[in-house]
């Protein structure tokens, strides 16, 4: 958990040397990191170990080596366990930008699959601000704090690499911190003794400071955690689809409850990295609605009322495009 301020990189390096552990200083993040008591101060266990909002199903124990960095594939982040005097154990603060506010809004993804047991603002209680906690089974949990926004609700099941929020600086009132991700892995109960060393892609984090490149969602059989139904929402069913080469698929969906169509393009490659993708829907006699840009997982949802109307729909992924004729009338 990281404060606003500027301090020489040497402080972070000295902190690493003092522990006798190797430190890998980041040329893009560590230059402005400071050692300040900005995180939740030592407090009763119940404050730093907030009660769950939802129950997770019983599953077999998850090995800690199954975790990946909580950021999209290919991104390099600087992790620092020593930059906050309030850290009690193996917590890590992540940044990658060259200025204190550079990482605001960057995507945060699930380090491993599991059930969201907390998705709430915890600021007034413990200073975590917008917090997502995921239960991975076997007593293993992960914490993602200070989020600017939360993309999942308590009780939801998330896949490894699925977006769960964005980097932020939310905290308790009066706690002025700069954007960063505070990340923890815990096993069992009894804070702070239950905090475990973080492991990413089978390798233990190089405490206290290290640059780490994410392998989360990097091909090798990885699948997009989003489906067209998830993107469009409850009540929508796929009624047509078209392949966009090997880069993705565009889907047309319909909701019989409200008479709306929805179009979503789901990527198959470059997952977690921004690449050209788009989706559009045009109801007969009305203007076309389009969503396009460099997106990480999908384009859309594009929705429009289309009861008793014909539609044109389509999308793109990379260089591949699809444009339908006027169809699906009625």
C-alpha atoms as a PDB file:
ATOM      1  CA  UNK A   1       0.000   0.000   0.000  1.00  0.00           C
ATOM      2  CA  UNK A   2       1.657   3.119  -1.199  1.00  0.00           C
ATOM      3  CA  UNK A   3       1.587   6.835  -0.302  1.00  0.00           C
ATOM      4  CA  UNK A   4       1.979   9.930  -2.410  1.00  0.00           C
ATOM      5  CA  UNK A   5       5.485  11.276  -2.334  1.00  0.00           C
ATOM      6  CA  UNK A   6       8.916  11.241  -3.894  1.00  0.00           C
ATOM      7  CA  UNK A   7      11.972   9.644  -2.351  1.00  0.00           C
ATOM      8  CA  UNK A   8      15.255   8.440  -3.754  1.00  0.00           C
ATOM      9  CA  UNK A   9      15.411   4.913  -5.054  1.00  0.00           C
ATOM     10  CA  UNK A  10      18.182   4.258  -2.591  1.00  0.00           C
ATOM     11  CA  UNK A  11      15.728   3.918   0.295  1.00  0.00           C
ATOM     12  CA  UNK A  12      14.024   0.966  -1.321  1.00  0.00           C
ATOM     13  CA  UNK A  13      17.399  -0.622  -2.097  1.00  0.00           C
ATOM     14  CA  UNK A  14      18.696  -0.086   1.424  1.00  0.00           C
ATOM     15  CA  UNK A  15      15.584  -1.741   2.794  1.00  0.00           C
ATOM     16  CA  UNK A  16      16.362  -4.793   0.697  1.00  0.00           C
ATOM     17  CA  UNK A  17      20.035  -4.877   1.742  1.00  0.00           C
ATOM     18  CA  UNK A  18      19.076  -4.579   5.380  1.00  0.00           C
ATOM     19  CA  UNK A  19      17.217  -7.874   5.182  1.00  0.00           C
ATOM     20  CA  UNK A  20      20.043  -9.644   3.407  1.00  0.00           C
ATOM     21  CA  UNK A  21      17.763 -10.465   0.466  1.00  0.00           C
ATOM     22  CA  UNK A  22      18.343  -9.600  -3.196  1.00  0.00           C
ATOM     23  CA  UNK A  23      16.429  -6.563  -4.435  1.00  0.00           C
ATOM     24  CA  UNK A  24      15.602  -5.928  -8.062  1.00  0.00           C
ATOM     25  CA  UNK A  25      15.007  -2.200  -8.346  1.00  0.00           C
ATOM     26  CA  UNK A  26      12.524  -0.987 -10.933  1.00  0.00           C
ATOM     27  CA  UNK A  27      13.527   1.865 -13.218  1.00  0.00           C
ATOM     28  CA  UNK A  28       9.839   2.631 -13.856  1.00  0.00           C
ATOM     29  CA  UNK A  29       8.239   2.376 -10.438  1.00  0.00           C
ATOM     30  CA  UNK A  30      10.642   2.337  -7.495  1.00  0.00           C
ATOM     31  CA  UNK A  31      12.040   5.792  -8.162  1.00  0.00           C
ATOM     32  CA  UNK A  32       9.147   7.508  -6.383  1.00  0.00           C
ATOM     33  CA  UNK A  33       8.216   4.879  -3.822  1.00  0.00           C
ATOM     34  CA  UNK A  34       8.481   5.905  -0.176  1.00  0.00           C
ATOM     35  CA  UNK A  35       8.567   4.275   3.210  1.00  0.00           C
ATOM     36  CA  UNK A  36       5.593   5.753   5.018  1.00  0.00           C
ATOM     37  CA  UNK A  37       2.864   4.512   7.320  1.00  0.00           C
ATOM     38  CA  UNK A  38       0.024   4.851   4.810  1.00  0.00           C
ATOM     39  CA  UNK A  39      -1.539   1.404   5.125  1.00  0.00           C
ATOM     40  CA  UNK A  40      -3.936   0.221   7.823  1.00  0.00           C
ATOM     41  CA  UNK A  41      -1.979   0.554  11.058  1.00  0.00           C
ATOM     42  CA  UNK A  42      -1.625  -2.490  13.317  1.00  0.00           C
ATOM     43  CA  UNK A  43      -5.097  -3.095  14.651  1.00  0.00           C
ATOM     44  CA  UNK A  44      -7.281  -5.835  16.055  1.00  0.00           C
ATOM     45  CA  UNK A  45      -7.367  -9.015  13.989  1.00  0.00           C
ATOM     46  CA  UNK A  46     -11.055  -8.631  13.112  1.00  0.00           C
ATOM     47  CA  UNK A  47     -10.319  -5.340  11.318  1.00  0.00           C
ATOM     48  CA  UNK A  48      -7.566  -6.747   9.099  1.00  0.00           C
ATOM     49  CA  UNK A  49      -9.414 -10.020   8.594  1.00  0.00           C
ATOM     50  CA  UNK A  50     -12.898  -8.779   7.562  1.00  0.00           C
ATOM     51  CA  UNK A  51     -15.826 -11.227   7.568  1.00  0.00           C
ATOM     52  CA  UNK A  52     -16.806 -12.806   4.271  1.00  0.00           C
ATOM     53  CA  UNK A  53     -19.946 -11.711   2.466  1.00  0.00           C
ATOM     54  CA  UNK A  54     -20.428 -15.037   0.698  1.00  0.00           C
ATOM     55  CA  UNK A  55     -19.546 -18.685   1.229  1.00  0.00           C
ATOM     56  CA  UNK A  56     -17.194 -20.564  -1.068  1.00  0.00           C
ATOM     57  CA  UNK A  57     -17.791 -24.201  -2.052  1.00  0.00           C
ATOM     58  CA  UNK A  58     -15.558 -26.859  -0.558  1.00  0.00           C
ATOM     59  CA  UNK A  59     -12.869 -27.830  -3.060  1.00  0.00           C
ATOM     60  CA  UNK A  60      -9.555 -29.629  -2.944  1.00  0.00           C
ATOM     61  CA  UNK A  61      -6.504 -27.765  -1.678  1.00  0.00           C
ATOM     62  CA  UNK A  62      -4.981 -25.356  -4.163  1.00  0.00           C
ATOM     63  CA  UNK A  63      -1.193 -25.418  -4.302  1.00  0.00           C
ATOM     64  CA  UNK A  64       0.336 -21.969  -3.926  1.00  0.00           C
ATOM     65  CA  UNK A  65       2.332 -22.535  -7.118  1.00  0.00           C
ATOM     66  CA  UNK A  66      -0.891 -22.279  -9.153  1.00  0.00           C
ATOM     67  CA  UNK A  67      -1.022 -18.512  -8.644  1.00  0.00           C
ATOM     68  CA  UNK A  68      -0.131 -16.036 -11.384  1.00  0.00           C
ATOM     69  CA  UNK A  69       0.607 -12.308 -11.221  1.00  0.00           C
ATOM     70  CA  UNK A  70      -2.682 -10.369 -10.777  1.00  0.00           C
ATOM     71  CA  UNK A  71      -2.201  -8.427 -14.015  1.00  0.00           C
ATOM     72  CA  UNK A  72      -2.785  -9.193 -17.718  1.00  0.00           C
ATOM     73  CA  UNK A  73      -0.328 -11.251 -19.751  1.00  0.00           C
ATOM     74  CA  UNK A  74       2.966  -9.601 -20.662  1.00  0.00           C
ATOM     75  CA  UNK A  75       2.792  -6.656 -18.268  1.00  0.00           C
ATOM     76  CA  UNK A  76       5.818  -6.039 -16.023  1.00  0.00           C
ATOM     77  CA  UNK A  77       5.135  -4.691 -12.548  1.00  0.00           C
ATOM     78  CA  UNK A  78       7.391  -3.673  -9.673  1.00  0.00           C
ATOM     79  CA  UNK A  79       6.443  -5.380  -6.434  1.00  0.00           C
ATOM     80  CA  UNK A  80       7.609  -3.959  -3.117  1.00  0.00           C
ATOM     81  CA  UNK A  81       7.056  -5.490   0.293  1.00  0.00           C
ATOM     82  CA  UNK A  82       9.142  -2.969   2.210  1.00  0.00           C
ATOM     83  CA  UNK A  83       7.756   0.375   1.011  1.00  0.00           C
ATOM     84  CA  UNK A  84       5.066   0.588   3.687  1.00  0.00           C
ATOM     85  CA  UNK A  85       5.912   0.553   7.377  1.00  0.00           C
ATOM     86  CA  UNK A  86       2.436  -0.838   8.042  1.00  0.00           C
ATOM     87  CA  UNK A  87       3.104  -4.131   6.258  1.00  0.00           C
ATOM     88  CA  UNK A  88       3.089  -6.887   8.856  1.00  0.00           C
ATOM     89  CA  UNK A  89       4.373  -9.798   6.768  1.00  0.00           C
ATOM     90  CA  UNK A  90       4.630 -10.761   3.075  1.00  0.00           C
ATOM     91  CA  UNK A  91       2.180  -8.229   1.609  1.00  0.00           C
ATOM     92  CA  UNK A  92       3.189  -6.675  -1.727  1.00  0.00           C
ATOM     93  CA  UNK A  93       2.422  -3.276  -3.262  1.00  0.00           C
ATOM     94  CA  UNK A  94       2.501  -3.169  -7.069  1.00  0.00           C
ATOM     95  CA  UNK A  95       3.232  -0.263  -9.419  1.00  0.00           C
ATOM     96  CA  UNK A  96       4.665   0.022 -12.922  1.00  0.00           C
ATOM     97  CA  UNK A  97       4.281   3.681 -13.896  1.00  0.00           C
ATOM     98  CA  UNK A  98       6.947   6.369 -13.703  1.00  0.00           C
ATOM     99  CA  UNK A  99       4.718   8.771 -11.751  1.00  0.00           C
ATOM    100  CA  UNK A 100       2.542   8.253  -8.643  1.00  0.00           C
ATOM    101  CA  UNK A 101      -0.740   8.416 -10.562  1.00  0.00           C
ATOM    102  CA  UNK A 102       0.308   6.541 -13.701  1.00  0.00           C
ATOM    103  CA  UNK A 103      -1.326   3.221 -12.785  1.00  0.00           C
ATOM    104  CA  UNK A 104      -4.769   4.541 -11.907  1.00  0.00           C
ATOM    105  CA  UNK A 105      -7.408   2.463 -13.701  1.00  0.00           C
ATOM    106  CA  UNK A 106      -5.082  -0.319 -14.861  1.00  0.00           C
ATOM    107  CA  UNK A 107      -6.707  -3.747 -15.018  1.00  0.00           C
ATOM    108  CA  UNK A 108      -6.397  -6.152 -12.073  1.00  0.00           C
ATOM    109  CA  UNK A 109      -7.146  -9.843 -12.713  1.00  0.00           C
ATOM    110  CA  UNK A 110      -7.652 -12.901 -10.521  1.00  0.00           C
ATOM    111  CA  UNK A 111      -4.358 -14.552  -9.581  1.00  0.00           C
ATOM    112  CA  UNK A 112      -6.135 -17.922  -9.504  1.00  0.00           C
ATOM    113  CA  UNK A 113      -9.643 -19.269  -9.987  1.00  0.00           C
ATOM    114  CA  UNK A 114     -12.033 -19.195  -7.059  1.00  0.00           C
ATOM    115  CA  UNK A 115     -15.114 -17.680  -5.452  1.00  0.00           C
ATOM    116  CA  UNK A 116     -15.387 -13.995  -4.572  1.00  0.00           C
ATOM    117  CA  UNK A 117     -16.172 -13.874  -0.856  1.00  0.00           C
ATOM    118  CA  UNK A 118     -15.730 -10.108  -0.361  1.00  0.00           C
ATOM    119  CA  UNK A 119     -16.390  -7.302  -2.833  1.00  0.00           C
ATOM    120  CA  UNK A 120     -16.936  -4.141  -0.822  1.00  0.00           C
ATOM    121  CA  UNK A 121     -15.474  -0.824   0.302  1.00  0.00           C
ATOM    122  CA  UNK A 122     -13.624  -1.512   3.565  1.00  0.00           C
ATOM    123  CA  UNK A 123     -12.079   1.933   3.996  1.00  0.00           C
ATOM    124  CA  UNK A 124     -13.668   3.085   7.228  1.00  0.00           C
ATOM    125  CA  UNK A 125     -12.962  -0.299   8.841  1.00  0.00           C
ATOM    126  CA  UNK A 126      -9.385  -1.103   7.933  1.00  0.00           C
ATOM    127  CA  UNK A 127      -8.126   1.201   5.166  1.00  0.00           C
ATOM    128  CA  UNK A 128      -8.234  -1.418   2.412  1.00  0.00           C
ATOM    129  CA  UNK A 129     -10.679   0.732   0.445  1.00  0.00           C
ATOM    130  CA  UNK A 130     -12.342  -1.173  -2.386  1.00  0.00           C
ATOM    131  CA  UNK A 131     -11.416  -4.754  -1.577  1.00  0.00           C
ATOM    132  CA  UNK A 132     -11.895  -8.007  -3.475  1.00  0.00           C
ATOM    133  CA  UNK A 133     -11.109 -11.229  -1.637  1.00  0.00           C
ATOM    134  CA  UNK A 134     -11.125 -14.560  -3.488  1.00  0.00           C
ATOM    135  CA  UNK A 135     -11.390 -17.979  -1.837  1.00  0.00           C
ATOM    136  CA  UNK A 136      -9.390 -20.554  -3.806  1.00  0.00           C
ATOM    137  CA  UNK A 137     -10.199 -23.579  -1.675  1.00  0.00           C
ATOM    138  CA  UNK A 138      -8.178 -25.478   0.900  1.00  0.00           C
ATOM    139  CA  UNK A 139      -7.853 -22.404   3.089  1.00  0.00           C
ATOM    140  CA  UNK A 140      -6.086 -20.319   0.407  1.00  0.00           C
ATOM    141  CA  UNK A 141      -7.333 -16.773  -0.241  1.00  0.00           C
ATOM    142  CA  UNK A 142      -6.044 -13.705  -2.072  1.00  0.00           C
ATOM    143  CA  UNK A 143      -6.671 -10.019  -1.300  1.00  0.00           C
ATOM    144  CA  UNK A 144      -6.751  -7.128  -3.808  1.00  0.00           C
ATOM    145  CA  UNK A 145      -7.008  -3.764  -2.031  1.00  0.00           C
ATOM    146  CA  UNK A 146      -7.337  -0.022  -2.805  1.00  0.00           C
ATOM    147  CA  UNK A 147      -9.133  -0.774  -6.082  1.00  0.00           C
ATOM    148  CA  UNK A 148     -10.517   2.157  -8.027  1.00  0.00           C
ATOM    149  CA  UNK A 149     -13.405  -0.030  -9.184  1.00  0.00           C
ATOM    150  CA  UNK A 150     -14.638  -3.582  -8.569  1.00  0.00           C
ATOM    151  CA  UNK A 151     -15.801  -5.691 -11.542  1.00  0.00           C
ATOM    152  CA  UNK A 152     -17.134  -8.715  -9.625  1.00  0.00           C
ATOM    153  CA  UNK A 153     -19.724  -9.270  -6.902  1.00  0.00           C
ATOM    154  CA  UNK A 154     -19.559 -11.392  -3.778  1.00  0.00           C
ATOM    155  CA  UNK A 155     -20.598 -14.955  -4.550  1.00  0.00           C
ATOM    156  CA  UNK A 156     -19.353 -14.885  -8.159  1.00  0.00           C
ATOM    157  CA  UNK A 157     -17.004 -17.572  -9.457  1.00  0.00           C
ATOM    158  CA  UNK A 158     -14.018 -16.141 -11.304  1.00  0.00           C
ATOM    159  CA  UNK A 159     -11.523 -17.744 -13.649  1.00  0.00           C
ATOM    160  CA  UNK A 160      -7.787 -17.208 -13.420  1.00  0.00           C
ATOM    161  CA  UNK A 161      -6.994 -14.094 -15.437  1.00  0.00           C
ATOM    162  CA  UNK A 162     -10.530 -12.692 -15.250  1.00  0.00           C
ATOM    163  CA  UNK A 163     -10.782  -8.958 -14.628  1.00  0.00           C
ATOM    164  CA  UNK A 164     -11.873  -8.244 -11.050  1.00  0.00           C
ATOM    165  CA  UNK A 165     -11.230  -4.509 -10.832  1.00  0.00           C
ATOM    166  CA  UNK A 166      -8.853  -1.660 -11.541  1.00  0.00           C
ATOM    167  CA  UNK A 167      -5.874  -0.156  -9.713  1.00  0.00           C
ATOM    168  CA  UNK A 168      -6.842   2.710  -7.440  1.00  0.00           C
ATOM    169  CA  UNK A 169      -6.140   4.642  -4.256  1.00  0.00           C
ATOM    170  CA  UNK A 170      -9.301   4.105  -2.200  1.00  0.00           C
ATOM    171  CA  UNK A 171      -8.754   3.871   1.539  1.00  0.00           C
ATOM    172  CA  UNK A 172     -10.162   5.186   4.789  1.00  0.00           C
ATOM    173  CA  UNK A 173     -11.149   8.877   5.072  1.00  0.00           C
ATOM    174  CA  UNK A 174      -8.104  11.120   5.295  1.00  0.00           C
ATOM    175  CA  UNK A 175      -5.651   8.446   4.143  1.00  0.00           C
ATOM    176  CA  UNK A 176      -4.153  10.112   1.079  1.00  0.00           C
ATOM    177  CA  UNK A 177      -2.382   7.408  -0.911  1.00  0.00           C
ATOM    178  CA  UNK A 178      -1.293   7.170  -4.531  1.00  0.00           C
ATOM    179  CA  UNK A 179      -2.690   4.476  -6.855  1.00  0.00           C
ATOM    180  CA  UNK A 180      -1.256   0.989  -6.430  1.00  0.00           C
ATOM    181  CA  UNK A 181      -2.426  -2.572  -5.865  1.00  0.00           C
ATOM    182  CA  UNK A 182      -1.998  -4.022  -2.392  1.00  0.00           C
ATOM    183  CA  UNK A 183      -1.852  -7.827  -2.826  1.00  0.00           C
ATOM    184  CA  UNK A 184      -1.820 -10.613  -0.268  1.00  0.00           C
ATOM    185  CA  UNK A 185      -2.061 -14.397  -0.222  1.00  0.00           C
ATOM    186  CA  UNK A 186      -3.297 -16.005   2.985  1.00  0.00           C
ATOM    187  CA  UNK A 187      -3.745 -19.571   4.157  1.00  0.00           C
ATOM    188  CA  UNK A 188      -6.019 -20.363   7.066  1.00  0.00           C
ATOM    189  CA  UNK A 189      -6.775 -17.875   9.834  1.00  0.00           C
ATOM    190  CA  UNK A 190      -4.871 -15.802  12.368  1.00  0.00           C
ATOM    191  CA  UNK A 191      -3.713 -12.501  10.842  1.00  0.00           C
ATOM    192  CA  UNK A 192      -0.888 -11.698  10.222  1.00  0.00           C
ATOM    193  CA  UNK A 193       0.585 -15.154  10.722  1.00  0.00           C
ATOM    194  CA  UNK A 194      -1.604 -16.547   7.956  1.00  0.00           C
ATOM    195  CA  UNK A 195      -0.040 -14.333   5.258  1.00  0.00           C
ATOM    196  CA  UNK A 196       2.091 -16.445   2.922  1.00  0.00           C
ATOM    197  CA  UNK A 197       4.908 -15.570   0.550  1.00  0.00           C
ATOM    198  CA  UNK A 198       3.502 -14.856  -2.893  1.00  0.00           C
ATOM    199  CA  UNK A 199       4.273 -17.326  -5.682  1.00  0.00           C
ATOM    200  CA  UNK A 200       3.824 -16.371  -9.336  1.00  0.00           C
ATOM    201  CA  UNK A 201       4.041 -18.944 -12.126  1.00  0.00           C
ATOM    202  CA  UNK A 202       5.672 -21.403  -9.733  1.00  0.00           C
ATOM    203  CA  UNK A 203       8.382 -19.000  -8.528  1.00  0.00           C
ATOM    204  CA  UNK A 204       8.413 -17.359  -5.098  1.00  0.00           C
ATOM    205  CA  UNK A 205       8.461 -13.568  -5.263  1.00  0.00           C
ATOM    206  CA  UNK A 206      11.966 -12.138  -4.713  1.00  0.00           C
ATOM    207  CA  UNK A 207      11.301 -10.281  -1.472  1.00  0.00           C
ATOM    208  CA  UNK A 208      11.524  -7.447  -0.662  1.00  0.00           C
ATOM    209  CA  UNK A 209      11.581  -5.896  -4.184  1.00  0.00           C
ATOM    210  CA  UNK A 210      11.349  -7.433  -7.630  1.00  0.00           C
ATOM    211  CA  UNK A 211      10.116  -6.738 -11.154  1.00  0.00           C
ATOM    212  CA  UNK A 212       7.783  -9.511 -12.317  1.00  0.00           C
ATOM    213  CA  UNK A 213       6.338 -10.108 -15.792  1.00  0.00           C
ATOM    214  CA  UNK A 214       2.847 -11.612 -15.870  1.00  0.00           C
ATOM    215  CA  UNK A 215       2.143 -15.011 -17.442  1.00  0.00           C
ATOM    216  CA  UNK A 216      -1.514 -14.733 -16.453  1.00  0.00           C
ATOM    217  CA  UNK A 217      -3.682 -15.565 -19.495  1.00  0.00           C
ATOM    218  CA  UNK A 218      -0.712 -15.995 -21.852  1.00  0.00           C
ATOM    219  CA  UNK A 219      -1.890 -18.603 -24.354  1.00  0.00           C
ATOM    220  CA  UNK A 220      -0.695 -22.142 -23.806  1.00  0.00           C
ATOM    221  CA  UNK A 221      -4.273 -23.385 -23.666  1.00  0.00           C
ATOM    222  CA  UNK A 222      -5.599 -20.344 -21.820  1.00  0.00           C
ATOM    223  CA  UNK A 223      -9.178 -19.454 -22.612  1.00  0.00           C
ATOM    224  CA  UNK A 224     -11.096 -16.211 -22.497  1.00  0.00           C
ATOM    225  CA  UNK A 225     -12.863 -16.013 -19.108  1.00  0.00           C
ATOM    226  CA  UNK A 226     -15.739 -14.129 -20.756  1.00  0.00           C
ATOM    227  CA  UNK A 227     -18.566 -15.546 -22.842  1.00  0.00           C
ATOM    228  CA  UNK A 228     -21.099 -13.681 -24.960  1.00  0.00           C
ATOM    229  CA  UNK A 229     -23.792 -14.509 -22.405  1.00  0.00           C
ATOM    230  CA  UNK A 230     -21.711 -13.043 -19.572  1.00  0.00           C
ATOM    231  CA  UNK A 231     -20.994  -9.891 -21.546  1.00  0.00           C
ATOM    232  CA  UNK A 232     -24.606  -9.289 -22.627  1.00  0.00           C
ATOM    233  CA  UNK A 233     -26.130 -10.247 -19.281  1.00  0.00           C
ATOM    234  CA  UNK A 234     -28.949 -12.284 -17.816  1.00  0.00           C
ATOM    235  CA  UNK A 235     -31.706 -13.399 -20.171  1.00  0.00           C
ATOM    236  CA  UNK A 236     -29.690 -13.210 -23.397  1.00  0.00           C
ATOM    237  CA  UNK A 237     -29.245 -16.341 -25.525  1.00  0.00           C
ATOM    238  CA  UNK A 238     -26.971 -16.819 -28.547  1.00  0.00           C
ATOM    239  CA  UNK A 239     -28.962 -17.075 -31.791  1.00  0.00           C
ATOM    240  CA  UNK A 240     -26.125 -16.679 -34.310  1.00  0.00           C
ATOM    241  CA  UNK A 241     -22.338 -16.376 -34.504  1.00  0.00           C
ATOM    242  CA  UNK A 242     -19.532 -15.863 -37.004  1.00  0.00           C
ATOM    243  CA  UNK A 243     -15.842 -16.742 -36.731  1.00  0.00           C
ATOM    244  CA  UNK A 244     -13.327 -13.929 -37.077  1.00  0.00           C
ATOM    245  CA  UNK A 245     -10.471 -16.067 -38.321  1.00  0.00           C
ATOM    246  CA  UNK A 246      -8.517 -17.407 -35.353  1.00  0.00           C
ATOM    247  CA  UNK A 247      -8.692 -14.078 -33.518  1.00  0.00           C
ATOM    248  CA  UNK A 248     -12.224 -14.332 -32.123  1.00  0.00           C
ATOM    249  CA  UNK A 249     -15.931 -14.858 -32.669  1.00  0.00           C
ATOM    250  CA  UNK A 250     -18.777 -12.349 -32.943  1.00  0.00           C
ATOM    251  CA  UNK A 251     -22.126 -13.371 -31.436  1.00  0.00           C
ATOM    252  CA  UNK A 252     -25.715 -12.197 -31.897  1.00  0.00           C
ATOM    253  CA  UNK A 253     -27.953 -12.745 -28.882  1.00  0.00           C
ATOM    254  CA  UNK A 254     -31.632 -12.151 -28.140  1.00  0.00           C
ATOM    255  CA  UNK A 255     -33.543 -11.571 -24.921  1.00  0.00           C
ATOM    256  CA  UNK A 256     -37.116 -12.799 -25.289  1.00  0.00           C
ATOM    257  CA  UNK A 257     -38.055 -11.076 -22.042  1.00  0.00           C
ATOM    258  CA  UNK A 258     -37.494  -7.529 -23.306  1.00  0.00           C
ATOM    259  CA  UNK A 259     -37.196  -7.954 -27.086  1.00  0.00           C
ATOM    260  CA  UNK A 260     -33.612  -6.694 -27.182  1.00  0.00           C
ATOM    261  CA  UNK A 261     -30.751  -7.962 -29.327  1.00  0.00           C
ATOM    262  CA  UNK A 262     -27.133  -7.843 -28.172  1.00  0.00           C
ATOM    263  CA  UNK A 263     -23.832  -8.253 -30.035  1.00  0.00           C
ATOM    264  CA  UNK A 264     -20.495  -9.136 -28.443  1.00  0.00           C
ATOM    265  CA  UNK A 265     -17.136 -10.059 -29.959  1.00  0.00           C
ATOM    266  CA  UNK A 266     -15.107 -12.476 -27.837  1.00  0.00           C
ATOM    267  CA  UNK A 267     -11.353 -12.598 -28.426  1.00  0.00           C
ATOM    268  CA  UNK A 268      -9.391 -15.857 -28.744  1.00  0.00           C
ATOM    269  CA  UNK A 269      -5.883 -14.422 -29.012  1.00  0.00           C
ATOM    270  CA  UNK A 270      -3.896 -11.643 -27.292  1.00  0.00           C
ATOM    271  CA  UNK A 271      -5.968 -12.246 -24.170  1.00  0.00           C
ATOM    272  CA  UNK A 272      -5.306  -9.663 -21.491  1.00  0.00           C
ATOM    273  CA  UNK A 273      -3.557  -7.327 -23.921  1.00  0.00           C
ATOM    274  CA  UNK A 274      -5.247  -4.502 -25.779  1.00  0.00           C
ATOM    275  CA  UNK A 275      -5.834  -5.313 -29.452  1.00  0.00           C
ATOM    276  CA  UNK A 276      -8.258  -4.143 -32.137  1.00  0.00           C
ATOM    277  CA  UNK A 277     -11.727  -5.574 -31.614  1.00  0.00           C
ATOM    278  CA  UNK A 278     -15.234  -4.329 -32.354  1.00  0.00           C
ATOM    279  CA  UNK A 279     -18.931  -5.163 -32.380  1.00  0.00           C
ATOM    280  CA  UNK A 280     -21.956  -3.453 -33.939  1.00  0.00           C
ATOM    281  CA  UNK A 281     -25.731  -3.791 -34.153  1.00  0.00           C
ATOM    282  CA  UNK A 282     -28.032  -2.021 -36.592  1.00  0.00           C
ATOM    283  CA  UNK A 283     -31.800  -2.360 -36.242  1.00  0.00           C
ATOM    284  CA  UNK A 284     -33.709  -1.844 -39.487  1.00  0.00           C
ATOM    285  CA  UNK A 285     -34.599   1.843 -39.872  1.00  0.00           C
ATOM    286  CA  UNK A 286     -32.313   2.974 -37.042  1.00  0.00           C
ATOM    287  CA  UNK A 287     -28.716   4.113 -36.704  1.00  0.00           C
ATOM    288  CA  UNK A 288     -25.929   1.609 -36.195  1.00  0.00           C
ATOM    289  CA  UNK A 289     -24.549   1.256 -32.646  1.00  0.00           C
ATOM    290  CA  UNK A 290     -20.853   0.329 -32.429  1.00  0.00           C
ATOM    291  CA  UNK A 291     -18.310  -0.482 -29.756  1.00  0.00           C
ATOM    292  CA  UNK A 292     -14.710  -0.709 -30.954  1.00  0.00           C
ATOM    293  CA  UNK A 293     -11.216  -0.100 -29.675  1.00  0.00           C
ATOM    294  CA  UNK A 294      -8.142  -1.832 -28.282  1.00  0.00           C
ATOM    295  CA  UNK A 295      -9.735  -4.123 -25.723  1.00  0.00           C
ATOM    296  CA  UNK A 296      -8.296  -6.942 -23.623  1.00  0.00           C
ATOM    297  CA  UNK A 297     -11.022  -9.607 -23.833  1.00  0.00           C
ATOM    298  CA  UNK A 298     -14.104  -8.500 -25.776  1.00  0.00           C
ATOM    299  CA  UNK A 299     -16.016  -5.742 -27.537  1.00  0.00           C
ATOM    300  CA  UNK A 300     -19.577  -4.902 -26.561  1.00  0.00           C
ATOM    301  CA  UNK A 301     -22.112  -5.382 -25.295  1.00  0.00           C
ATOM    302  CA  UNK A 302     -24.031  -3.498 -27.986  1.00  0.00           C
ATOM    303  CA  UNK A 303     -27.772  -3.698 -27.259  1.00  0.00           C
ATOM    304  CA  UNK A 304     -30.859  -2.397 -29.041  1.00  0.00           C
ATOM    305  CA  UNK A 305     -34.604  -3.041 -29.047  1.00  0.00           C
ATOM    306  CA  UNK A 306     -35.321  -5.217 -32.079  1.00  0.00           C
ATOM    307  CA  UNK A 307     -38.691  -6.910 -31.503  1.00  0.00           C
ATOM    308  CA  UNK A 308     -40.411  -7.476 -34.882  1.00  0.00           C
ATOM    309  CA  UNK A 309     -37.440  -5.865 -36.663  1.00  0.00           C
ATOM    310  CA  UNK A 310     -34.648  -7.127 -38.923  1.00  0.00           C
ATOM    311  CA  UNK A 311     -31.045  -6.480 -37.900  1.00  0.00           C
ATOM    312  CA  UNK A 312     -27.571  -6.173 -39.352  1.00  0.00           C
ATOM    313  CA  UNK A 313     -24.769  -7.171 -37.024  1.00  0.00           C
ATOM    314  CA  UNK A 314     -21.092  -7.945 -37.079  1.00  0.00           C
ATOM    315  CA  UNK A 315     -17.690  -7.302 -35.637  1.00  0.00           C
ATOM    316  CA  UNK A 316     -13.952  -7.505 -36.001  1.00  0.00           C
ATOM    317  CA  UNK A 317     -10.925  -8.982 -34.252  1.00  0.00           C
ATOM    318  CA  UNK A 318      -7.491  -8.101 -35.534  1.00  0.00           C
ATOM    319  CA  UNK A 319      -7.746  -7.912 -39.321  1.00  0.00           C
ATOM    320  CA  UNK A 320     -10.757 -10.240 -39.609  1.00  0.00           C
ATOM    321  CA  UNK A 321     -14.270  -8.797 -39.978  1.00  0.00           C
ATOM    322  CA  UNK A 322     -17.827 -10.058 -40.376  1.00  0.00           C
ATOM    323  CA  UNK A 323     -20.841  -8.117 -41.699  1.00  0.00           C
ATOM    324  CA  UNK A 324     -24.211  -9.811 -41.765  1.00  0.00           C
ATOM    325  CA  UNK A 325     -27.026  -9.196 -44.244  1.00  0.00           C
ATOM    326  CA  UNK A 326     -30.323  -7.787 -43.013  1.00  0.00           C
ATOM    327  CA  UNK A 327     -31.696 -10.838 -41.190  1.00  0.00           C
ATOM    328  CA  UNK A 328     -33.268 -12.336 -38.079  1.00  0.00           C
ATOM    329  CA  UNK A 329     -36.512 -10.516 -38.733  1.00  0.00           C
ATOM    330  CA  UNK A 330     -39.424 -10.813 -36.330  1.00  0.00           C
END
